[in-house]
Amino acid sequence: MNSCDLQAVLVSTDSVVVDSVSQSLEKLGITPTLLSINRSLPIA
């Protein structure tokens, strides 16, 4: 049987969003990869 791991990259400066989305992804069997940013990024 073939198996695959689902992964998602989540980038946010809002810790509430990160926590909420991460929990939802984990419930769906998706491994979240988190990038914590403590400063604002310029929007191109």
N, C-alpha and C. Protein backbone atom coordinates (compact mmCIF):
# COMPACT_ATOMS: atom_id res chain seq x y z
N MET A 1 0.85 -1.18 0.00
CA MET A 1 0.00 0.00 0.00
C MET A 1 0.89 1.23 0.00
N ASN A 2 0.54 2.19 -0.83
CA ASN A 2 1.28 3.45 -0.86
C ASN A 2 0.79 4.35 0.26
N SER A 3 1.73 5.08 0.84
CA SER A 3 1.34 6.05 1.86
C SER A 3 2.01 7.37 1.56
N CYS A 4 1.41 8.43 2.01
CA CYS A 4 2.02 9.74 1.82
C CYS A 4 1.72 10.57 3.06
N ASP A 5 2.62 11.49 3.33
CA ASP A 5 2.44 12.42 4.44
C ASP A 5 1.99 13.75 3.88
N LEU A 6 0.92 14.28 4.44
CA LEU A 6 0.47 15.61 4.04
C LEU A 6 1.13 16.64 4.93
N GLN A 7 1.63 17.69 4.32
CA GLN A 7 2.29 18.75 5.08
C GLN A 7 1.77 20.10 4.62
N ALA A 8 1.83 21.06 5.51
CA ALA A 8 1.43 22.43 5.19
C ALA A 8 2.41 23.39 5.82
N VAL A 9 2.67 24.48 5.13
CA VAL A 9 3.52 25.54 5.68
C VAL A 9 2.60 26.70 6.05
N LEU A 10 2.71 27.14 7.27
CA LEU A 10 1.88 28.23 7.79
C LEU A 10 2.80 29.36 8.23
N VAL A 11 2.60 30.53 7.64
CA VAL A 11 3.39 31.71 8.00
C VAL A 11 2.43 32.78 8.49
N SER A 12 2.62 33.21 9.73
CA SER A 12 1.74 34.24 10.29
C SER A 12 2.43 34.92 11.46
N THR A 13 2.10 36.17 11.67
CA THR A 13 2.59 36.88 12.85
C THR A 13 1.57 36.85 13.97
N ASP A 14 0.40 36.27 13.71
CA ASP A 14 -0.68 36.21 14.69
C ASP A 14 -0.69 34.83 15.35
N SER A 15 -0.29 34.77 16.62
CA SER A 15 -0.18 33.48 17.31
C SER A 15 -1.53 32.78 17.46
N VAL A 16 -2.62 33.54 17.54
CA VAL A 16 -3.95 32.94 17.64
C VAL A 16 -4.28 32.20 16.35
N VAL A 17 -3.97 32.80 15.22
CA VAL A 17 -4.21 32.16 13.93
C VAL A 17 -3.34 30.90 13.81
N VAL A 18 -2.08 31.01 14.17
CA VAL A 18 -1.16 29.87 14.09
C VAL A 18 -1.68 28.70 14.92
N ASP A 19 -2.07 28.97 16.16
CA ASP A 19 -2.57 27.90 17.04
C ASP A 19 -3.84 27.26 16.48
N SER A 20 -4.76 28.08 16.05
CA SER A 20 -6.04 27.58 15.55
C SER A 20 -5.86 26.75 14.28
N VAL A 21 -5.13 27.28 13.32
CA VAL A 21 -4.94 26.57 12.06
C VAL A 21 -4.11 25.30 12.27
N SER A 22 -3.09 25.37 13.12
CA SER A 22 -2.27 24.19 13.40
C SER A 22 -3.10 23.06 13.98
N GLN A 23 -3.97 23.38 14.92
CA GLN A 23 -4.83 22.36 15.52
C GLN A 23 -5.76 21.75 14.48
N SER A 24 -6.30 22.57 13.62
CA SER A 24 -7.19 22.07 12.57
C SER A 24 -6.45 21.16 11.60
N LEU A 25 -5.25 21.56 11.21
CA LEU A 25 -4.45 20.74 10.30
C LEU A 25 -4.12 19.39 10.92
N GLU A 26 -3.74 19.41 12.19
CA GLU A 26 -3.38 18.16 12.88
C GLU A 26 -4.59 17.22 12.96
N LYS A 27 -5.79 17.77 13.17
CA LYS A 27 -6.99 16.95 13.20
C LYS A 27 -7.25 16.28 11.86
N LEU A 28 -6.80 16.92 10.79
CA LEU A 28 -6.97 16.37 9.44
C LEU A 28 -5.81 15.44 9.06
N GLY A 29 -4.85 15.27 9.96
CA GLY A 29 -3.71 14.41 9.69
C GLY A 29 -2.62 15.08 8.89
N ILE A 30 -2.62 16.41 8.87
CA ILE A 30 -1.63 17.19 8.13
C ILE A 30 -0.62 17.75 9.12
N THR A 31 0.66 17.54 8.83
CA THR A 31 1.71 18.02 9.70
C THR A 31 2.03 19.48 9.36
N PRO A 32 1.77 20.41 10.28
CA PRO A 32 2.08 21.81 9.98
C PRO A 32 3.56 22.11 10.22
N THR A 33 4.13 22.94 9.37
CA THR A 33 5.47 23.47 9.56
C THR A 33 5.30 24.95 9.87
N LEU A 34 5.78 25.35 11.02
CA LEU A 34 5.54 26.72 11.48
C LEU A 34 6.77 27.58 11.32
N LEU A 35 6.56 28.81 10.89
CA LEU A 35 7.61 29.80 10.80
C LEU A 35 7.18 30.98 11.66
N SER A 36 7.90 31.20 12.73
CA SER A 36 7.55 32.29 13.65
C SER A 36 8.33 33.54 13.25
N ILE A 37 7.60 34.61 13.04
CA ILE A 37 8.22 35.88 12.65
C ILE A 37 7.83 36.93 13.67
N ASN A 38 8.82 37.60 14.20
CA ASN A 38 8.58 38.60 15.24
C ASN A 38 8.61 40.04 14.70
N ARG A 39 8.68 40.19 13.41
CA ARG A 39 8.69 41.53 12.85
C ARG A 39 7.86 41.53 11.58
N SER A 40 7.48 42.69 11.14
CA SER A 40 6.67 42.80 9.93
C SER A 40 7.53 42.58 8.70
N LEU A 41 6.97 41.90 7.71
CA LEU A 41 7.65 41.70 6.45
C LEU A 41 7.13 42.72 5.45
N PRO A 42 8.02 43.24 4.62
CA PRO A 42 7.55 44.19 3.59
C PRO A 42 6.70 43.45 2.56
N ILE A 43 5.65 44.09 2.12
CA ILE A 43 4.77 43.51 1.11
C ILE A 43 5.21 44.04 -0.25
N ALA A 44 5.56 43.14 -1.13
CA ALA A 44 6.06 43.53 -2.45
C ALA A 44 4.93 43.86 -3.38
